[in-house]
Amino acid sequence: MTVSQNFQGSSAGKASGDSCETCLYYEYDEEYDCDTCLMDLDEDEMRLFLIGHTRSCPYYKFGDEYSVVRHQI
């Protein structure tokens, strides 16, 4: 079960240090027209995600798109 989050302007999902917006698995889904977590969350993880308690997300991985470019330089 993937989840989408469309909380524009709210503080949900904005945990310091490991915000969903910087996660490798958090991408924009054109079909649903919102940002989506690509991980397969169970019921408890889904509840925490939807209420914005993502500080301790077990799937968080910093998504630095430019790390490959920096490595090539």
C-alpha atoms as a PDB file:
ATOM      1  CA  MET A   1       0.000   0.000   0.000  1.00  0.00           C
ATOM      2  CA  THR A   2       1.570   3.263  -1.055  1.00  0.00           C
ATOM      3  CA  VAL A   3       0.378   6.512   0.415  1.00  0.00           C
ATOM      4  CA  SER A   4      -0.010   9.975  -0.894  1.00  0.00           C
ATOM      5  CA  GLN A   5       0.259  13.117   1.134  1.00  0.00           C
ATOM      6  CA  ASN A   6      -1.221  16.397   0.001  1.00  0.00           C
ATOM      7  CA  PHE A   7      -0.777  18.661   3.042  1.00  0.00           C
ATOM      8  CA  GLN A   8       0.346  21.823   1.307  1.00  0.00           C
ATOM      9  CA  GLY A   9       1.180  24.462   3.858  1.00  0.00           C
ATOM     10  CA  SER A  10       0.785  22.214   6.901  1.00  0.00           C
ATOM     11  CA  SER A  11       3.492  20.989   9.225  1.00  0.00           C
ATOM     12  CA  ALA A  12       2.627  17.321   8.680  1.00  0.00           C
ATOM     13  CA  GLY A  13       5.549  15.297   7.441  1.00  0.00           C
ATOM     14  CA  LYS A  14       8.109  17.983   8.264  1.00  0.00           C
ATOM     15  CA  ALA A  15      10.325  16.342  10.838  1.00  0.00           C
ATOM     16  CA  SER A  16      13.665  17.997  11.485  1.00  0.00           C
ATOM     17  CA  GLY A  17      16.594  16.125  10.039  1.00  0.00           C
ATOM     18  CA  ASP A  18      14.629  13.528   8.118  1.00  0.00           C
ATOM     19  CA  SER A  19      11.731  15.260   6.457  1.00  0.00           C
ATOM     20  CA  CYS A  20       9.670  13.375   3.884  1.00  0.00           C
ATOM     21  CA  GLU A  21      10.576  16.044   1.338  1.00  0.00           C
ATOM     22  CA  THR A  22      14.241  14.982   1.424  1.00  0.00           C
ATOM     23  CA  CYS A  23      13.546  11.244   1.418  1.00  0.00           C
ATOM     24  CA  LEU A  24      14.574   9.130  -1.570  1.00  0.00           C
ATOM     25  CA  TYR A  25      11.211   7.331  -1.501  1.00  0.00           C
ATOM     26  CA  TYR A  26       9.027  10.462  -1.510  1.00  0.00           C
ATOM     27  CA  GLU A  27       8.133  11.456  -5.074  1.00  0.00           C
ATOM     28  CA  TYR A  28       5.555  13.441  -6.958  1.00  0.00           C
ATOM     29  CA  ASP A  29       2.879  11.256  -8.571  1.00  0.00           C
ATOM     30  CA  GLU A  30       1.386  12.865 -11.670  1.00  0.00           C
ATOM     31  CA  GLU A  31      -1.564  10.467 -11.674  1.00  0.00           C
ATOM     32  CA  TYR A  32      -2.686  11.498  -8.170  1.00  0.00           C
ATOM     33  CA  ASP A  33      -1.338  15.064  -8.495  1.00  0.00           C
ATOM     34  CA  CYS A  34       0.397  14.980  -5.100  1.00  0.00           C
ATOM     35  CA  ASP A  35       3.540  13.788  -3.356  1.00  0.00           C
ATOM     36  CA  THR A  36       3.627  10.065  -2.566  1.00  0.00           C
ATOM     37  CA  CYS A  37       5.591   7.782  -0.279  1.00  0.00           C
ATOM     38  CA  LEU A  38       6.723   4.829  -2.377  1.00  0.00           C
ATOM     39  CA  MET A  39       7.345   2.492   0.548  1.00  0.00           C
ATOM     40  CA  ASP A  40       4.910  -0.270   1.437  1.00  0.00           C
ATOM     41  CA  LEU A  41       3.704   0.916   4.862  1.00  0.00           C
ATOM     42  CA  ASP A  42       1.814  -1.242   7.333  1.00  0.00           C
ATOM     43  CA  GLU A  43      -1.241   0.070   9.189  1.00  0.00           C
ATOM     44  CA  ASP A  44       0.673   1.564  12.125  1.00  0.00           C
ATOM     45  CA  GLU A  45       3.281   3.221   9.899  1.00  0.00           C
ATOM     46  CA  MET A  46       0.505   4.580   7.684  1.00  0.00           C
ATOM     47  CA  ARG A  47      -1.217   6.181  10.695  1.00  0.00           C
ATOM     48  CA  LEU A  48       2.025   7.849  11.800  1.00  0.00           C
ATOM     49  CA  PHE A  49       2.686   9.068   8.262  1.00  0.00           C
ATOM     50  CA  LEU A  50      -0.769  10.582   7.868  1.00  0.00           C
ATOM     51  CA  ILE A  51      -0.644  12.453  11.187  1.00  0.00           C
ATOM     52  CA  GLY A  52       2.853  13.731  10.438  1.00  0.00           C
ATOM     53  CA  HIS A  53       4.995  11.721  12.871  1.00  0.00           C
ATOM     54  CA  THR A  54       7.733  10.857  10.384  1.00  0.00           C
ATOM     55  CA  ARG A  55      10.738  11.646  12.562  1.00  0.00           C
ATOM     56  CA  SER A  56      11.471   7.980  13.206  1.00  0.00           C
ATOM     57  CA  CYS A  57      10.499   6.552   9.815  1.00  0.00           C
ATOM     58  CA  PRO A  58      12.332   3.229   9.404  1.00  0.00           C
ATOM     59  CA  TYR A  59      12.479   3.681   5.615  1.00  0.00           C
ATOM     60  CA  TYR A  60      13.966   7.170   5.491  1.00  0.00           C
ATOM     61  CA  LYS A  61      16.941   7.473   3.177  1.00  0.00           C
ATOM     62  CA  PHE A  62      18.365  10.839   2.223  1.00  0.00           C
ATOM     63  CA  GLY A  63      17.676  11.336  -1.478  1.00  0.00           C
ATOM     64  CA  ASP A  64      20.570  13.391  -2.767  1.00  0.00           C
ATOM     65  CA  GLU A  65      20.163  13.448  -6.554  1.00  0.00           C
ATOM     66  CA  TYR A  66      23.493  15.185  -7.003  1.00  0.00           C
ATOM     67  CA  SER A  67      25.647  12.645  -5.143  1.00  0.00           C
ATOM     68  CA  VAL A  68      26.468  10.838  -8.397  1.00  0.00           C
ATOM     69  CA  VAL A  69      27.471  14.095 -10.071  1.00  0.00           C
ATOM     70  CA  ARG A  70      29.712  15.077  -7.150  1.00  0.00           C
ATOM     71  CA  HIS A  71      31.325  11.645  -7.307  1.00  0.00           C
ATOM     72  CA  GLN A  72      32.111  12.069 -11.024  1.00  0.00           C
ATOM     73  CA  ILE A  73      33.799  15.458 -10.557  1.00  0.00           C
END
